[in-house]
Amino acid sequence: MISLLYEPLPCSIEVGGREVGILTDFRAWLQFIGLMQDKELHDAEKVAALQNWLVEPEPVTGQIVEGLAAFCKASHLEPERPEPDEGAGVRPPVFDWKIDAPFILGDFRRFYGMDLLRLGYLHWWEFKALFLALPPDSRVMDRIRLRSWDLSKEKNADRRREIAKAQRMIALPFALTDDMIGDVFASAL
C-alpha cells in the first residue's frame, strides 16, 4: 500500500528489473478496462492493442500484460483483503464503468467540483482514490449498494419487493458462462 499524500504516483511498471513507461491518465485506463471486457476481440487482438498503453514501443510480453493489469487494479491504494469465500457462488456485477459513467460524471462534479469531460489530466490512481472516496449518498455508491443488497436477509416482505424492483431497474447485463456454472456446481459438492 502506498500513501497518496506523500509518495509519487507511478508512471511506469517494472518488467524484468527495468522500468517501462506507461500512460497514466484515467481515460486511458477506462479504455483499457473496456478493451479487456470486449467480448468481440480475441485475446491476441487485446494483447496487440496493449502496445497503446506503453510510452515507447516494445514487444508485449506476459510480464508487461501482468504489469499493466496490476497497474489498472491499483491494489496499492487499499489494504490487502482476504480472498472471497469460494462457496459464495457467482454473483452478478454491481458496477460497470461504462453503464455507470453518467453517475460518475455527476458525482465527480457534485462532490469534487471536477468536470471529467473537460479535465486536462488526472492520474488513474488518483481517479480511483477519488472514486473510492465518494460518499455513500453519491449516485454511484447508492447504485452499488442497491445492486449488492442481499434480499435473503431482508425480513420485511414489502421492503424486499421494493428493493427487488429497484434492483431490476438498475441491474447490469449479466450472463453466466459455462465456467461460472461449473464453479457454482463444484462449490456445492
Protein backbone atom coordinates (compact mmCIF):
# COMPACT_ATOMS: atom_id res chain seq x y z
CA MET A 1 0.00 0.00 0.00
CA ILE A 2 1.30 3.47 -0.85
CA SER A 3 0.43 6.80 0.67
CA LEU A 4 -1.05 9.09 -1.92
CA LEU A 5 -0.31 12.01 0.37
CA TYR A 6 3.47 11.88 0.08
CA GLU A 7 4.59 9.14 -2.32
CA PRO A 8 4.78 9.90 -6.03
CA LEU A 9 2.28 8.16 -8.28
CA PRO A 10 3.89 5.67 -10.65
CA CYS A 11 4.30 6.43 -14.33
CA SER A 12 5.84 3.07 -15.22
CA ILE A 13 5.63 -0.63 -14.50
CA GLU A 14 8.55 -2.87 -13.58
CA VAL A 15 9.32 -5.51 -16.18
CA GLY A 16 12.28 -7.81 -15.71
CA GLY A 17 14.01 -5.39 -13.34
CA ARG A 18 13.59 -2.33 -15.58
CA GLU A 19 11.02 0.43 -15.71
CA VAL A 20 8.67 0.58 -18.71
CA GLY A 21 6.87 3.91 -19.17
CA ILE A 22 3.09 3.73 -19.48
CA LEU A 23 0.17 6.08 -19.99
CA THR A 24 -1.36 7.10 -16.68
CA ASP A 25 -4.36 9.32 -17.47
CA PHE A 26 -7.64 7.92 -16.15
CA ARG A 27 -9.23 7.96 -19.62
CA ALA A 28 -6.59 5.56 -20.94
CA TRP A 29 -7.35 3.12 -18.13
CA LEU A 30 -11.09 3.29 -18.61
CA GLN A 31 -10.36 2.41 -22.25
CA PHE A 32 -8.09 -0.41 -21.02
CA ILE A 33 -10.95 -1.85 -18.99
CA GLY A 34 -13.25 -1.54 -21.99
CA LEU A 35 -10.70 -3.36 -24.14
CA MET A 36 -10.36 -6.20 -21.64
CA GLN A 37 -14.15 -6.59 -21.39
CA ASP A 38 -14.71 -6.52 -25.17
CA LYS A 39 -16.10 -9.97 -25.99
CA GLU A 40 -15.79 -9.38 -29.73
CA LEU A 41 -11.98 -9.22 -29.62
CA HIS A 42 -9.77 -12.30 -29.38
CA ASP A 43 -7.10 -12.42 -26.69
CA ALA A 44 -4.36 -12.00 -29.31
CA GLU A 45 -6.02 -8.78 -30.53
CA LYS A 46 -6.25 -7.49 -26.97
CA VAL A 47 -2.58 -8.25 -26.30
CA ALA A 48 -1.54 -6.50 -29.52
CA ALA A 49 -3.61 -3.45 -28.54
CA LEU A 50 -1.78 -3.18 -25.21
CA GLN A 51 1.07 -1.56 -27.14
CA ASN A 52 -1.07 1.61 -26.97
CA TRP A 53 -0.50 1.86 -23.19
CA LEU A 54 3.30 1.84 -23.48
CA VAL A 55 5.16 5.13 -23.87
CA GLU A 56 7.88 3.54 -26.04
CA PRO A 57 7.07 0.71 -28.47
CA GLU A 58 8.29 -2.74 -27.48
CA PRO A 59 7.01 -6.30 -27.72
CA VAL A 60 4.16 -7.02 -25.33
CA THR A 61 5.31 -9.87 -23.09
CA GLY A 62 3.50 -11.74 -20.35
CA GLN A 63 5.29 -9.57 -17.78
CA ILE A 64 4.04 -6.41 -19.48
CA VAL A 65 0.48 -7.78 -19.53
CA GLU A 66 0.74 -8.61 -15.81
CA GLY A 67 2.23 -5.19 -15.04
CA LEU A 68 -0.50 -3.34 -16.91
CA ALA A 69 -3.21 -5.41 -15.24
CA ALA A 70 -1.70 -4.74 -11.80
CA PHE A 71 -1.44 -1.01 -12.52
CA CYS A 72 -5.08 -0.96 -13.62
CA LYS A 73 -6.20 -2.80 -10.50
CA ALA A 74 -4.35 -0.22 -8.37
CA SER A 75 -4.36 -2.57 -5.41
CA HIS A 76 -1.66 -0.41 -3.81
CA LEU A 77 -4.42 2.03 -2.86
CA GLU A 78 -6.21 -0.31 -0.48
CA PRO A 79 -5.02 -2.63 2.28
CA GLU A 80 -4.90 -6.31 1.38
CA ARG A 81 -8.19 -8.07 1.93
CA PRO A 82 -8.82 -11.76 2.42
CA GLU A 83 -9.86 -13.71 -0.66
CA PRO A 84 -13.63 -14.04 -1.02
CA ASP A 85 -15.19 -17.25 0.24
CA GLU A 86 -15.06 -19.88 -2.52
CA GLY A 87 -18.51 -21.15 -1.54
CA ALA A 88 -20.08 -17.73 -2.02
CA GLY A 89 -21.14 -18.65 -5.56
CA VAL A 90 -21.33 -16.45 -8.62
CA ARG A 91 -22.81 -13.02 -8.10
CA PRO A 92 -23.91 -10.57 -10.74
CA PRO A 93 -21.74 -7.48 -11.17
CA VAL A 94 -22.61 -4.45 -9.06
CA PHE A 95 -20.74 -1.84 -11.07
CA ASP A 96 -19.82 -1.08 -14.68
CA TRP A 97 -17.57 1.80 -15.72
CA LYS A 98 -19.43 2.36 -18.99
CA ILE A 99 -23.03 1.96 -17.83
CA ASP A 100 -22.48 3.92 -14.63
CA ALA A 101 -20.48 6.67 -16.41
CA PRO A 102 -23.23 9.33 -16.22
CA PHE A 103 -23.39 8.90 -12.45
CA ILE A 104 -19.60 9.04 -12.13
CA LEU A 105 -19.54 12.29 -14.10
CA GLY A 106 -22.30 13.75 -11.95
CA ASP A 107 -20.79 12.61 -8.67
CA PHE A 108 -17.32 13.97 -9.50
CA ARG A 109 -18.87 17.29 -10.42
CA ARG A 110 -21.12 17.35 -7.34
CA PHE A 111 -18.63 16.20 -4.71
CA TYR A 112 -15.29 17.35 -6.14
CA GLY A 113 -16.24 20.18 -8.47
CA MET A 114 -14.42 18.32 -11.27
CA ASP A 115 -15.69 18.22 -14.82
CA LEU A 116 -14.18 14.94 -16.02
CA LEU A 117 -15.08 15.69 -19.63
CA ARG A 118 -13.02 18.87 -19.72
CA LEU A 119 -10.31 17.92 -17.26
CA GLY A 120 -6.81 18.06 -18.72
CA TYR A 121 -5.13 15.19 -16.86
CA LEU A 122 -5.83 13.01 -13.84
CA HIS A 123 -3.65 10.07 -12.86
CA TRP A 124 -5.54 6.77 -12.87
CA TRP A 125 -4.70 6.03 -9.23
CA GLU A 126 -5.83 9.48 -8.11
CA PHE A 127 -9.07 8.99 -10.06
CA LYS A 128 -9.60 5.60 -8.39
CA ALA A 129 -8.85 7.05 -4.96
CA LEU A 130 -11.43 9.78 -5.52
CA PHE A 131 -13.90 7.22 -6.83
CA LEU A 132 -13.41 5.01 -3.77
CA ALA A 133 -13.86 8.05 -1.52
CA LEU A 134 -17.25 9.00 -2.94
CA PRO A 135 -19.70 9.22 -0.04
CA PRO A 136 -22.47 6.65 0.44
CA ASP A 137 -25.09 9.17 -0.67
CA SER A 138 -23.44 9.57 -4.09
CA ARG A 139 -25.42 8.17 -7.01
CA VAL A 140 -22.73 5.63 -7.92
CA MET A 141 -22.27 4.28 -4.40
CA ASP A 142 -26.04 4.16 -3.93
CA ARG A 143 -26.36 2.07 -7.12
CA ILE A 144 -23.57 -0.27 -5.98
CA ARG A 145 -25.19 -0.65 -2.56
CA LEU A 146 -28.58 -1.37 -4.08
CA ARG A 147 -27.25 -3.87 -6.63
CA SER A 148 -25.33 -5.73 -3.94
CA TRP A 149 -28.21 -5.81 -1.44
CA ASP A 150 -28.83 -9.38 -0.26
CA LEU A 151 -32.60 -9.76 -0.44
CA SER A 152 -32.49 -13.01 1.53
CA LYS A 153 -31.55 -11.00 4.62
CA GLU A 154 -34.46 -8.56 4.27
CA LYS A 155 -37.20 -9.69 6.67
CA ASN A 156 -39.95 -7.29 5.63
CA ALA A 157 -41.70 -8.70 2.52
CA ASP A 158 -42.91 -5.30 1.27
CA ARG A 159 -39.43 -3.82 1.62
CA ARG A 160 -37.92 -6.89 -0.09
CA ARG A 161 -40.29 -6.45 -3.08
CA GLU A 162 -39.49 -2.73 -3.24
CA ILE A 163 -35.74 -3.39 -3.23
CA ALA A 164 -36.06 -6.21 -5.78
CA LYS A 165 -37.98 -3.90 -8.11
CA ALA A 166 -35.32 -1.20 -7.75
CA GLN A 167 -32.57 -3.77 -8.36
CA ARG A 168 -34.24 -4.90 -11.60
CA MET A 169 -34.46 -1.29 -12.78
CA ILE A 170 -30.70 -0.73 -12.44
CA ALA A 171 -29.41 -4.28 -12.97
CA LEU A 172 -26.35 -4.69 -15.14
CA PRO A 173 -26.26 -7.11 -18.06
CA PHE A 174 -25.03 -10.44 -16.77
CA ALA A 175 -24.85 -13.87 -18.29
CA LEU A 176 -23.40 -16.95 -16.66
CA THR A 177 -20.62 -18.58 -18.66
CA ASP A 178 -20.18 -22.34 -18.71
CA ASP A 179 -17.16 -21.94 -16.40
CA MET A 180 -19.22 -19.92 -13.91
CA ILE A 181 -21.97 -22.53 -13.90
CA GLY A 182 -19.38 -25.27 -13.34
CA ASP A 183 -17.85 -23.28 -10.46
CA VAL A 184 -21.26 -22.95 -8.79
CA PHE A 185 -21.91 -26.67 -9.03
CA ALA A 186 -18.37 -27.54 -7.93
CA SER A 187 -18.68 -25.36 -4.84
CA ALA A 188 -21.99 -27.01 -3.96
CA LEU A 189 -20.43 -30.50 -3.83
